[in-house]
mmCIF file of all heavy atoms, coordinates in Angstrom:
data_MODEL
# 
_entry.id   MODEL 
# 
loop_
_atom_site.group_PDB 
_atom_site.id 
_atom_site.type_symbol 
_atom_site.label_atom_id 
_atom_site.label_alt_id 
_atom_site.label_comp_id 
_atom_site.label_asym_id 
_atom_site.label_entity_id 
_atom_site.label_seq_id 
_atom_site.pdbx_PDB_ins_code 
_atom_site.Cartn_x 
_atom_site.Cartn_y 
_atom_site.Cartn_z 
_atom_site.occupancy 
_atom_site.B_iso_or_equiv 
_atom_site.pdbx_formal_charge 
_atom_site.auth_seq_id 
_atom_site.auth_comp_id 
_atom_site.auth_asym_id 
_atom_site.auth_atom_id 
_atom_site.pdbx_PDB_model_num 
ATOM 1   N N   . SER A 1 1  ? 0.784  -1.155  0.101  1.00 0.00 ? 1  SER A N   1 
ATOM 2   C CA  . SER A 1 1  ? -0.004 -0.057  -0.005 1.00 0.00 ? 1  SER A CA  1 
ATOM 3   C C   . SER A 1 1  ? 0.868  1.249   -0.014 1.00 0.00 ? 1  SER A C   1 
ATOM 4   O O   . SER A 1 1  ? 0.457  2.309   0.057  1.00 0.00 ? 1  SER A O   1 
ATOM 5   C CB  . SER A 1 1  ? -0.981 -0.040  1.182  1.00 0.00 ? 1  SER A CB  1 
ATOM 6   O OG  . SER A 1 1  ? -0.220 -0.105  2.404  1.00 0.00 ? 1  SER A OG  1 
ATOM 7   N N   . ASN A 1 2  ? 2.248  1.138   -0.123 1.00 0.00 ? 2  ASN A N   1 
ATOM 8   C CA  . ASN A 1 2  ? 3.137  2.176   -0.225 1.00 0.00 ? 2  ASN A CA  1 
ATOM 9   C C   . ASN A 1 2  ? 3.063  3.117   0.990  1.00 0.00 ? 2  ASN A C   1 
ATOM 10  O O   . ASN A 1 2  ? 3.126  4.264   0.880  1.00 0.00 ? 2  ASN A O   1 
ATOM 11  C CB  . ASN A 1 2  ? 2.881  2.989   -1.447 1.00 0.00 ? 2  ASN A CB  1 
ATOM 12  C CG  . ASN A 1 2  ? 4.270  3.454   -2.139 1.00 0.00 ? 2  ASN A CG  1 
ATOM 13  O OD1 . ASN A 1 2  ? 5.299  3.067   -1.700 1.00 0.00 ? 2  ASN A OD1 1 
ATOM 14  N ND2 . ASN A 1 2  ? 4.081  4.253   -3.168 1.00 0.00 ? 2  ASN A ND2 1 
ATOM 15  N N   . GLN A 1 3  ? 2.947  2.547   2.164  1.00 0.00 ? 3  GLN A N   1 
ATOM 16  C CA  . GLN A 1 3  ? 2.878  3.293   3.449  1.00 0.00 ? 3  GLN A CA  1 
ATOM 17  C C   . GLN A 1 3  ? 4.004  2.827   4.422  1.00 0.00 ? 3  GLN A C   1 
ATOM 18  O O   . GLN A 1 3  ? 4.468  1.671   4.394  1.00 0.00 ? 3  GLN A O   1 
ATOM 19  C CB  . GLN A 1 3  ? 1.590  2.954   4.141  1.00 0.00 ? 3  GLN A CB  1 
ATOM 20  C CG  . GLN A 1 3  ? 0.210  3.244   3.435  1.00 0.00 ? 3  GLN A CG  1 
ATOM 21  C CD  . GLN A 1 3  ? -0.900 2.823   4.251  1.00 0.00 ? 3  GLN A CD  1 
ATOM 22  O OE1 . GLN A 1 3  ? -0.996 3.199   5.485  1.00 0.00 ? 3  GLN A OE1 1 
ATOM 23  N NE2 . GLN A 1 3  ? -1.911 2.129   3.673  1.00 0.00 ? 3  GLN A NE2 1 
ATOM 24  N N   . ARG A 1 4  ? 4.460  3.763   5.123  1.00 0.00 ? 4  ARG A N   1 
ATOM 25  C CA  . ARG A 1 4  ? 5.362  3.513   6.266  1.00 0.00 ? 4  ARG A CA  1 
ATOM 26  C C   . ARG A 1 4  ? 6.459  2.459   5.883  1.00 0.00 ? 4  ARG A C   1 
ATOM 27  O O   . ARG A 1 4  ? 6.678  1.463   6.405  1.00 0.00 ? 4  ARG A O   1 
ATOM 28  C CB  . ARG A 1 4  ? 4.620  2.962   7.487  1.00 0.00 ? 4  ARG A CB  1 
ATOM 29  C CG  . ARG A 1 4  ? 3.702  4.047   7.984  1.00 0.00 ? 4  ARG A CG  1 
ATOM 30  C CD  . ARG A 1 4  ? 2.710  3.639   9.092  1.00 0.00 ? 4  ARG A CD  1 
ATOM 31  N NE  . ARG A 1 4  ? 2.739  2.591   9.830  1.00 0.00 ? 4  ARG A NE  1 
ATOM 32  C CZ  . ARG A 1 4  ? 1.738  1.702   10.025 1.00 0.00 ? 4  ARG A CZ  1 
ATOM 33  N NH1 . ARG A 1 4  ? 0.423  2.157   9.678  1.00 0.00 ? 4  ARG A NH1 1 
ATOM 34  N NH2 . ARG A 1 4  ? 1.802  0.661   10.749 1.00 0.00 ? 4  ARG A NH2 1 
ATOM 35  N N   . LEU A 1 5  ? 7.196  2.817   4.713  1.00 0.00 ? 5  LEU A N   1 
ATOM 36  C CA  . LEU A 1 5  ? 8.114  1.964   4.079  1.00 0.00 ? 5  LEU A CA  1 
ATOM 37  C C   . LEU A 1 5  ? 9.338  1.582   4.993  1.00 0.00 ? 5  LEU A C   1 
ATOM 38  O O   . LEU A 1 5  ? 9.825  0.517   4.947  1.00 0.00 ? 5  LEU A O   1 
ATOM 39  C CB  . LEU A 1 5  ? 8.656  2.414   2.766  1.00 0.00 ? 5  LEU A CB  1 
ATOM 40  C CG  . LEU A 1 5  ? 7.458  2.616   1.751  1.00 0.00 ? 5  LEU A CG  1 
ATOM 41  C CD1 . LEU A 1 5  ? 8.054  3.203   0.409  1.00 0.00 ? 5  LEU A CD1 1 
ATOM 42  C CD2 . LEU A 1 5  ? 6.904  1.262   1.387  1.00 0.00 ? 5  LEU A CD2 1 
ATOM 43  N N   . ASP A 1 6  ? 9.677  2.537   5.925  1.00 0.00 ? 6  ASP A N   1 
ATOM 44  C CA  . ASP A 1 6  ? 10.858 2.244   6.727  1.00 0.00 ? 6  ASP A CA  1 
ATOM 45  C C   . ASP A 1 6  ? 10.306 1.098   7.759  1.00 0.00 ? 6  ASP A C   1 
ATOM 46  O O   . ASP A 1 6  ? 11.160 0.238   8.033  1.00 0.00 ? 6  ASP A O   1 
ATOM 47  C CB  . ASP A 1 6  ? 11.317 3.465   7.459  1.00 0.00 ? 6  ASP A CB  1 
ATOM 48  C CG  . ASP A 1 6  ? 12.016 4.358   6.642  1.00 0.00 ? 6  ASP A CG  1 
ATOM 49  O OD1 . ASP A 1 6  ? 12.504 4.036   5.528  1.00 0.00 ? 6  ASP A OD1 1 
ATOM 50  O OD2 . ASP A 1 6  ? 12.050 5.592   6.948  1.00 0.00 ? 6  ASP A OD2 1 
ATOM 51  N N   . GLU A 1 7  ? 9.182  1.289   8.274  1.00 0.00 ? 7  GLU A N   1 
ATOM 52  C CA  . GLU A 1 7  ? 8.651  0.180   9.220  1.00 0.00 ? 7  GLU A CA  1 
ATOM 53  C C   . GLU A 1 7  ? 8.423  -1.087  8.532  1.00 0.00 ? 7  GLU A C   1 
ATOM 54  O O   . GLU A 1 7  ? 8.769  -2.187  9.007  1.00 0.00 ? 7  GLU A O   1 
ATOM 55  C CB  . GLU A 1 7  ? 7.256  0.707   9.733  1.00 0.00 ? 7  GLU A CB  1 
ATOM 56  C CG  . GLU A 1 7  ? 6.648  -0.248  10.746 1.00 0.00 ? 7  GLU A CG  1 
ATOM 57  C CD  . GLU A 1 7  ? 5.316  0.252   11.267 1.00 0.00 ? 7  GLU A CD  1 
ATOM 58  O OE1 . GLU A 1 7  ? 4.899  1.332   11.066 1.00 0.00 ? 7  GLU A OE1 1 
ATOM 59  O OE2 . GLU A 1 7  ? 4.611  -0.645  11.876 1.00 0.00 ? 7  GLU A OE2 1 
ATOM 60  N N   . ALA A 1 8  ? 7.964  -1.011  7.225  1.00 0.00 ? 8  ALA A N   1 
ATOM 61  C CA  . ALA A 1 8  ? 7.780  -2.232  6.466  1.00 0.00 ? 8  ALA A CA  1 
ATOM 62  C C   . ALA A 1 8  ? 9.159  -2.944  6.196  1.00 0.00 ? 8  ALA A C   1 
ATOM 63  O O   . ALA A 1 8  ? 9.204  -4.132  6.510  1.00 0.00 ? 8  ALA A O   1 
ATOM 64  C CB  . ALA A 1 8  ? 7.190  -1.965  5.030  1.00 0.00 ? 8  ALA A CB  1 
ATOM 65  N N   . PHE A 1 9  ? 10.256 -2.209  6.010  1.00 0.00 ? 9  PHE A N   1 
ATOM 66  C CA  . PHE A 1 9  ? 11.534 -2.773  5.850  1.00 0.00 ? 9  PHE A CA  1 
ATOM 67  C C   . PHE A 1 9  ? 12.073 -3.397  7.187  1.00 0.00 ? 9  PHE A C   1 
ATOM 68  O O   . PHE A 1 9  ? 12.540 -4.534  7.097  1.00 0.00 ? 9  PHE A O   1 
ATOM 69  C CB  . PHE A 1 9  ? 12.567 -1.742  5.476  1.00 0.00 ? 9  PHE A CB  1 
ATOM 70  C CG  . PHE A 1 9  ? 13.891 -2.102  5.252  1.00 0.00 ? 9  PHE A CG  1 
ATOM 71  C CD1 . PHE A 1 9  ? 14.329 -2.694  4.021  1.00 0.00 ? 9  PHE A CD1 1 
ATOM 72  C CD2 . PHE A 1 9  ? 14.836 -2.028  6.312  1.00 0.00 ? 9  PHE A CD2 1 
ATOM 73  C CE1 . PHE A 1 9  ? 15.687 -3.305  3.908  1.00 0.00 ? 9  PHE A CE1 1 
ATOM 74  C CE2 . PHE A 1 9  ? 16.133 -2.558  6.114  1.00 0.00 ? 9  PHE A CE2 1 
ATOM 75  C CZ  . PHE A 1 9  ? 16.490 -3.124  4.977  1.00 0.00 ? 9  PHE A CZ  1 
ATOM 76  N N   . THR A 1 10 ? 11.760 -2.754  8.249  1.00 0.00 ? 10 THR A N   1 
ATOM 77  C CA  . THR A 1 10 ? 12.158 -3.371  9.602  1.00 0.00 ? 10 THR A CA  1 
ATOM 78  C C   . THR A 1 10 ? 11.463 -4.692  9.894  1.00 0.00 ? 10 THR A C   1 
ATOM 79  O O   . THR A 1 10 ? 12.031 -5.564  10.229 1.00 0.00 ? 10 THR A O   1 
ATOM 80  C CB  . THR A 1 10 ? 11.905 -2.316  10.675 1.00 0.00 ? 10 THR A CB  1 
ATOM 81  O OG1 . THR A 1 10 ? 12.679 -1.091  10.386 1.00 0.00 ? 10 THR A OG1 1 
ATOM 82  C CG2 . THR A 1 10 ? 12.233 -2.859  12.036 1.00 0.00 ? 10 THR A CG2 1 
ATOM 83  N N   . LEU A 1 11 ? 10.160 -4.659  9.568  1.00 0.00 ? 11 LEU A N   1 
ATOM 84  C CA  . LEU A 1 11 ? 9.331  -5.843  9.868  1.00 0.00 ? 11 LEU A CA  1 
ATOM 85  C C   . LEU A 1 11 ? 9.811  -7.038  8.985  1.00 0.00 ? 11 LEU A C   1 
ATOM 86  O O   . LEU A 1 11 ? 9.954  -8.111  9.453  1.00 0.00 ? 11 LEU A O   1 
ATOM 87  C CB  . LEU A 1 11 ? 7.856  -5.523  9.529  1.00 0.00 ? 11 LEU A CB  1 
ATOM 88  C CG  . LEU A 1 11 ? 7.153  -4.657  10.606 1.00 0.00 ? 11 LEU A CG  1 
ATOM 89  C CD1 . LEU A 1 11 ? 5.866  -4.085  10.011 1.00 0.00 ? 11 LEU A CD1 1 
ATOM 90  C CD2 . LEU A 1 11 ? 6.936  -5.387  11.967 1.00 0.00 ? 11 LEU A CD2 1 
ATOM 91  N N   . VAL A 1 12 ? 10.052 -6.687  7.666  1.00 0.00 ? 12 VAL A N   1 
ATOM 92  C CA  . VAL A 1 12 ? 10.427 -7.779  6.734  1.00 0.00 ? 12 VAL A CA  1 
ATOM 93  C C   . VAL A 1 12 ? 11.780 -8.262  6.962  1.00 0.00 ? 12 VAL A C   1 
ATOM 94  O O   . VAL A 1 12 ? 12.193 -9.441  6.870  1.00 0.00 ? 12 VAL A O   1 
ATOM 95  C CB  . VAL A 1 12 ? 10.087 -7.387  5.312  1.00 0.00 ? 12 VAL A CB  1 
ATOM 96  C CG1 . VAL A 1 12 ? 10.664 -8.398  4.330  1.00 0.00 ? 12 VAL A CG1 1 
ATOM 97  C CG2 . VAL A 1 12 ? 8.593  -7.071  5.111  1.00 0.00 ? 12 VAL A CG2 1 
ATOM 98  N N   . SER A 1 13 ? 12.705 -7.375  7.397  1.00 0.00 ? 13 SER A N   1 
ATOM 99  C CA  . SER A 1 13 ? 13.977 -7.652  7.682  1.00 0.00 ? 13 SER A CA  1 
ATOM 100 C C   . SER A 1 13 ? 14.136 -8.729  8.877  1.00 0.00 ? 13 SER A C   1 
ATOM 101 O O   . SER A 1 13 ? 14.789 -9.668  8.854  1.00 0.00 ? 13 SER A O   1 
ATOM 102 C CB  . SER A 1 13 ? 14.827 -6.478  8.098  1.00 0.00 ? 13 SER A CB  1 
ATOM 103 O OG  . SER A 1 13 ? 15.075 -5.648  6.945  1.00 0.00 ? 13 SER A OG  1 
ATOM 104 N N   . ARG A 1 14 ? 13.222 -8.421  9.878  1.00 0.00 ? 14 ARG A N   1 
ATOM 105 C CA  . ARG A 1 14 ? 13.128 -9.276  11.039 1.00 0.00 ? 14 ARG A CA  1 
ATOM 106 C C   . ARG A 1 14 ? 12.690 -10.705 10.648 1.00 0.00 ? 14 ARG A C   1 
ATOM 107 O O   . ARG A 1 14 ? 13.061 -11.743 11.065 1.00 0.00 ? 14 ARG A O   1 
ATOM 108 C CB  . ARG A 1 14 ? 12.262 -8.617  12.196 1.00 0.00 ? 14 ARG A CB  1 
ATOM 109 C CG  . ARG A 1 14 ? 12.198 -9.615  13.409 1.00 0.00 ? 14 ARG A CG  1 
ATOM 110 C CD  . ARG A 1 14 ? 13.483 -9.685  14.061 1.00 0.00 ? 14 ARG A CD  1 
ATOM 111 N NE  . ARG A 1 14 ? 13.290 -10.656 15.234 1.00 0.00 ? 14 ARG A NE  1 
ATOM 112 C CZ  . ARG A 1 14 ? 14.086 -11.740 15.415 1.00 0.00 ? 14 ARG A CZ  1 
ATOM 113 N NH1 . ARG A 1 14 ? 15.092 -12.000 14.741 1.00 0.00 ? 14 ARG A NH1 1 
ATOM 114 N NH2 . ARG A 1 14 ? 13.853 -12.527 16.584 1.00 0.00 ? 14 ARG A NH2 1 
ATOM 115 N N   . ALA A 1 15 ? 11.577 -10.651 9.786  1.00 0.00 ? 15 ALA A N   1 
ATOM 116 C CA  . ALA A 1 15 ? 11.049 -11.941 9.327  1.00 0.00 ? 15 ALA A CA  1 
ATOM 117 C C   . ALA A 1 15 ? 12.137 -12.731 8.538  1.00 0.00 ? 15 ALA A C   1 
ATOM 118 O O   . ALA A 1 15 ? 12.191 -13.945 8.656  1.00 0.00 ? 15 ALA A O   1 
ATOM 119 C CB  . ALA A 1 15 ? 9.837  -11.727 8.431  1.00 0.00 ? 15 ALA A CB  1 
ATOM 120 N N   . LEU A 1 16 ? 12.818 -12.001 7.774  1.00 0.00 ? 16 LEU A N   1 
ATOM 121 C CA  . LEU A 1 16 ? 13.904 -12.623 6.974  1.00 0.00 ? 16 LEU A CA  1 
ATOM 122 C C   . LEU A 1 16 ? 15.061 -13.252 7.858  1.00 0.00 ? 16 LEU A C   1 
ATOM 123 O O   . LEU A 1 16 ? 15.551 -14.335 7.561  1.00 0.00 ? 16 LEU A O   1 
ATOM 124 C CB  . LEU A 1 16 ? 14.508 -11.617 5.976  1.00 0.00 ? 16 LEU A CB  1 
ATOM 125 C CG  . LEU A 1 16 ? 15.180 -12.136 4.768  1.00 0.00 ? 16 LEU A CG  1 
ATOM 126 C CD1 . LEU A 1 16 ? 14.228 -13.123 3.937  1.00 0.00 ? 16 LEU A CD1 1 
ATOM 127 C CD2 . LEU A 1 16 ? 15.490 -10.961 3.875  1.00 0.00 ? 16 LEU A CD2 1 
ATOM 128 N N   . GLU A 1 17 ? 15.333 -12.621 9.067  1.00 0.00 ? 17 GLU A N   1 
ATOM 129 C CA  . GLU A 1 17 ? 16.249 -13.175 9.929  1.00 0.00 ? 17 GLU A CA  1 
ATOM 130 C C   . GLU A 1 17 ? 15.839 -14.504 10.521 1.00 0.00 ? 17 GLU A C   1 
ATOM 131 O O   . GLU A 1 17 ? 16.519 -15.469 10.719 1.00 0.00 ? 17 GLU A O   1 
ATOM 132 C CB  . GLU A 1 17 ? 16.558 -12.241 11.077 1.00 0.00 ? 17 GLU A CB  1 
ATOM 133 C CG  . GLU A 1 17 ? 17.320 -10.963 10.848 1.00 0.00 ? 17 GLU A CG  1 
ATOM 134 C CD  . GLU A 1 17 ? 17.367 -10.040 11.946 1.00 0.00 ? 17 GLU A CD  1 
ATOM 135 O OE1 . GLU A 1 17 ? 17.009 -10.411 13.113 1.00 0.00 ? 17 GLU A OE1 1 
ATOM 136 O OE2 . GLU A 1 17 ? 17.774 -8.818  11.731 1.00 0.00 ? 17 GLU A OE2 1 
ATOM 137 N N   . LEU A 1 18 ? 14.494 -14.570 10.753 1.00 0.00 ? 18 LEU A N   1 
ATOM 138 C CA  . LEU A 1 18 ? 13.850 -15.711 11.294 1.00 0.00 ? 18 LEU A CA  1 
ATOM 139 C C   . LEU A 1 18 ? 13.616 -16.863 10.262 1.00 0.00 ? 18 LEU A C   1 
ATOM 140 O O   . LEU A 1 18 ? 13.599 -18.016 10.571 1.00 0.00 ? 18 LEU A O   1 
ATOM 141 C CB  . LEU A 1 18 ? 12.482 -15.385 11.846 1.00 0.00 ? 18 LEU A CB  1 
ATOM 142 C CG  . LEU A 1 18 ? 12.646 -14.419 13.036 1.00 0.00 ? 18 LEU A CG  1 
ATOM 143 C CD1 . LEU A 1 18 ? 11.137 -13.819 13.392 1.00 0.00 ? 18 LEU A CD1 1 
ATOM 144 C CD2 . LEU A 1 18 ? 13.200 -15.084 14.295 1.00 0.00 ? 18 LEU A CD2 1 
ATOM 145 N N   . ALA A 1 19 ? 13.445 -16.503 9.019  1.00 0.00 ? 19 ALA A N   1 
ATOM 146 C CA  . ALA A 1 19 ? 13.155 -17.483 7.917  1.00 0.00 ? 19 ALA A CA  1 
ATOM 147 C C   . ALA A 1 19 ? 13.819 -17.004 6.639  1.00 0.00 ? 19 ALA A C   1 
ATOM 148 O O   . ALA A 1 19 ? 13.136 -16.564 5.705  1.00 0.00 ? 19 ALA A O   1 
ATOM 149 C CB  . ALA A 1 19 ? 11.637 -17.605 7.710  1.00 0.00 ? 19 ALA A CB  1 
ATOM 150 N N   . PRO A 1 20 ? 15.167 -17.193 6.576  1.00 0.00 ? 20 PRO A N   1 
ATOM 151 C CA  . PRO A 1 20 ? 15.964 -16.606 5.439  1.00 0.00 ? 20 PRO A CA  1 
ATOM 152 C C   . PRO A 1 20 ? 15.660 -17.272 4.117  1.00 0.00 ? 20 PRO A C   1 
ATOM 153 O O   . PRO A 1 20 ? 16.072 -16.664 3.066  1.00 0.00 ? 20 PRO A O   1 
ATOM 154 C CB  . PRO A 1 20 ? 17.362 -16.768 5.903  1.00 0.00 ? 20 PRO A CB  1 
ATOM 155 C CG  . PRO A 1 20 ? 17.329 -17.872 6.900  1.00 0.00 ? 20 PRO A CG  1 
ATOM 156 C CD  . PRO A 1 20 ? 16.043 -17.831 7.609  1.00 0.00 ? 20 PRO A CD  1 
ATOM 157 N N   . ASP A 1 21 ? 15.095 -18.487 4.051  1.00 0.00 ? 21 ASP A N   1 
ATOM 158 C CA  . ASP A 1 21 ? 14.794 -19.126 2.736  1.00 0.00 ? 21 ASP A CA  1 
ATOM 159 C C   . ASP A 1 21 ? 13.458 -19.175 2.429  1.00 0.00 ? 21 ASP A C   1 
ATOM 160 O O   . ASP A 1 21 ? 12.981 -19.944 1.500  1.00 0.00 ? 21 ASP A O   1 
ATOM 161 C CB  . ASP A 1 21 ? 15.475 -20.514 2.843  1.00 0.00 ? 21 ASP A CB  1 
ATOM 162 C CG  . ASP A 1 21 ? 16.895 -20.599 2.926  1.00 0.00 ? 21 ASP A CG  1 
ATOM 163 O OD1 . ASP A 1 21 ? 17.667 -19.677 2.310  1.00 0.00 ? 21 ASP A OD1 1 
ATOM 164 O OD2 . ASP A 1 21 ? 17.439 -21.365 3.837  1.00 0.00 ? 21 ASP A OD2 1 
ATOM 165 N N   . SER A 1 22 ? 12.568 -18.305 3.041  1.00 0.00 ? 22 SER A N   1 
ATOM 166 C CA  . SER A 1 22 ? 11.152 -18.339 2.669  1.00 0.00 ? 22 SER A CA  1 
ATOM 167 C C   . SER A 1 22 ? 10.946 -17.525 1.397  1.00 0.00 ? 22 SER A C   1 
ATOM 168 O O   . SER A 1 22 ? 11.167 -16.290 1.343  1.00 0.00 ? 22 SER A O   1 
ATOM 169 C CB  . SER A 1 22 ? 10.402 -17.614 3.829  1.00 0.00 ? 22 SER A CB  1 
ATOM 170 O OG  . SER A 1 22 ? 9.104  -17.340 3.411  1.00 0.00 ? 22 SER A OG  1 
ATOM 171 N N   . PRO A 1 23 ? 10.468 -18.144 0.328  1.00 0.00 ? 23 PRO A N   1 
ATOM 172 C CA  . PRO A 1 23 ? 10.174 -17.381 -0.781 1.00 0.00 ? 23 PRO A CA  1 
ATOM 173 C C   . PRO A 1 23 ? 9.213  -16.214 -0.620 1.00 0.00 ? 23 PRO A C   1 
ATOM 174 O O   . PRO A 1 23 ? 9.352  -15.106 -1.143 1.00 0.00 ? 23 PRO A O   1 
ATOM 175 C CB  . PRO A 1 23 ? 9.525  -18.434 -1.802 1.00 0.00 ? 23 PRO A CB  1 
ATOM 176 C CG  . PRO A 1 23 ? 9.849  -19.762 -1.258 1.00 0.00 ? 23 PRO A CG  1 
ATOM 177 C CD  . PRO A 1 23 ? 10.110 -19.521 0.293  1.00 0.00 ? 23 PRO A CD  1 
ATOM 178 N N   . ALA A 1 24 ? 8.179  -16.378 0.258  1.00 0.00 ? 24 ALA A N   1 
ATOM 179 C CA  . ALA A 1 24 ? 7.256  -15.256 0.465  1.00 0.00 ? 24 ALA A CA  1 
ATOM 180 C C   . ALA A 1 24 ? 7.901  -14.058 1.238  1.00 0.00 ? 24 ALA A C   1 
ATOM 181 O O   . ALA A 1 24 ? 7.690  -12.974 0.745  1.00 0.00 ? 24 ALA A O   1 
ATOM 182 C CB  . ALA A 1 24 ? 6.094  -15.837 1.383  1.00 0.00 ? 24 ALA A CB  1 
ATOM 183 N N   . ILE A 1 25 ? 8.785  -14.363 2.070  1.00 0.00 ? 25 ILE A N   1 
ATOM 184 C CA  . ILE A 1 25 ? 9.460  -13.304 2.763  1.00 0.00 ? 25 ILE A CA  1 
ATOM 185 C C   . ILE A 1 25 ? 10.470 -12.634 1.860  1.00 0.00 ? 25 ILE A C   1 
ATOM 186 O O   . ILE A 1 25 ? 10.657 -11.330 1.729  1.00 0.00 ? 25 ILE A O   1 
ATOM 187 C CB  . ILE A 1 25 ? 10.165 -13.827 4.180  1.00 0.00 ? 25 ILE A CB  1 
ATOM 188 C CG1 . ILE A 1 25 ? 8.954  -14.250 5.082  1.00 0.00 ? 25 ILE A CG1 1 
ATOM 189 C CG2 . ILE A 1 25 ? 10.874 -12.640 4.801  1.00 0.00 ? 25 ILE A CG2 1 
ATOM 190 C CD1 . ILE A 1 25 ? 9.433  -14.868 6.237  1.00 0.00 ? 25 ILE A CD1 1 
ATOM 191 N N   . LEU A 1 26 ? 11.246 -13.416 1.087  1.00 0.00 ? 26 LEU A N   1 
ATOM 192 C CA  . LEU A 1 26 ? 12.179 -12.843 0.018  1.00 0.00 ? 26 LEU A CA  1 
ATOM 193 C C   . LEU A 1 26 ? 11.367 -11.923 -0.932 1.00 0.00 ? 26 LEU A C   1 
ATOM 194 O O   . LEU A 1 26 ? 11.886 -10.912 -1.275 1.00 0.00 ? 26 LEU A O   1 
ATOM 195 C CB  . LEU A 1 26 ? 12.896 -13.949 -0.735 1.00 0.00 ? 26 LEU A CB  1 
ATOM 196 C CG  . LEU A 1 26 ? 13.927 -14.762 0.158  1.00 0.00 ? 26 LEU A CG  1 
ATOM 197 C CD1 . LEU A 1 26 ? 14.403 -16.030 -0.576 1.00 0.00 ? 26 LEU A CD1 1 
ATOM 198 C CD2 . LEU A 1 26 ? 15.127 -13.882 0.436  1.00 0.00 ? 26 LEU A CD2 1 
ATOM 199 N N   . ASP A 1 27 ? 10.275 -12.491 -1.302 1.00 0.00 ? 27 ASP A N   1 
ATOM 200 C CA  . ASP A 1 27 ? 9.381  -11.587 -2.263 1.00 0.00 ? 27 ASP A CA  1 
ATOM 201 C C   . ASP A 1 27 ? 9.048  -10.323 -1.542 1.00 0.00 ? 27 ASP A C   1 
ATOM 202 O O   . ASP A 1 27 ? 9.072  -9.217  -2.158 1.00 0.00 ? 27 ASP A O   1 
ATOM 203 C CB  . ASP A 1 27 ? 8.111  -12.412 -2.568 1.00 0.00 ? 27 ASP A CB  1 
ATOM 204 C CG  . ASP A 1 27 ? 7.155  -11.597 -3.362 1.00 0.00 ? 27 ASP A CG  1 
ATOM 205 O OD1 . ASP A 1 27 ? 7.437  -11.174 -4.533 1.00 0.00 ? 27 ASP A OD1 1 
ATOM 206 O OD2 . ASP A 1 27 ? 6.017  -11.230 -2.879 1.00 0.00 ? 27 ASP A OD2 1 
ATOM 207 N N   . SER A 1 28 ? 8.582  -10.372 -0.341 1.00 0.00 ? 28 SER A N   1 
ATOM 208 C CA  . SER A 1 28 ? 8.201  -9.087  0.468  1.00 0.00 ? 28 SER A CA  1 
ATOM 209 C C   . SER A 1 28 ? 9.393  -8.197  0.584  1.00 0.00 ? 28 SER A C   1 
ATOM 210 O O   . SER A 1 28 ? 9.163  -6.988  0.351  1.00 0.00 ? 28 SER A O   1 
ATOM 211 C CB  . SER A 1 28 ? 7.762  -9.501  1.843  1.00 0.00 ? 28 SER A CB  1 
ATOM 212 O OG  . SER A 1 28 ? 6.535  -10.245 1.795  1.00 0.00 ? 28 SER A OG  1 
# 
């Protein structure tokens, strides 16, 4: 939705730390 992109980056970065090989998270 092109909102709060810095927050989105932080959230997805944390998700990626937890699941680095998840295609859905890599896509995000």
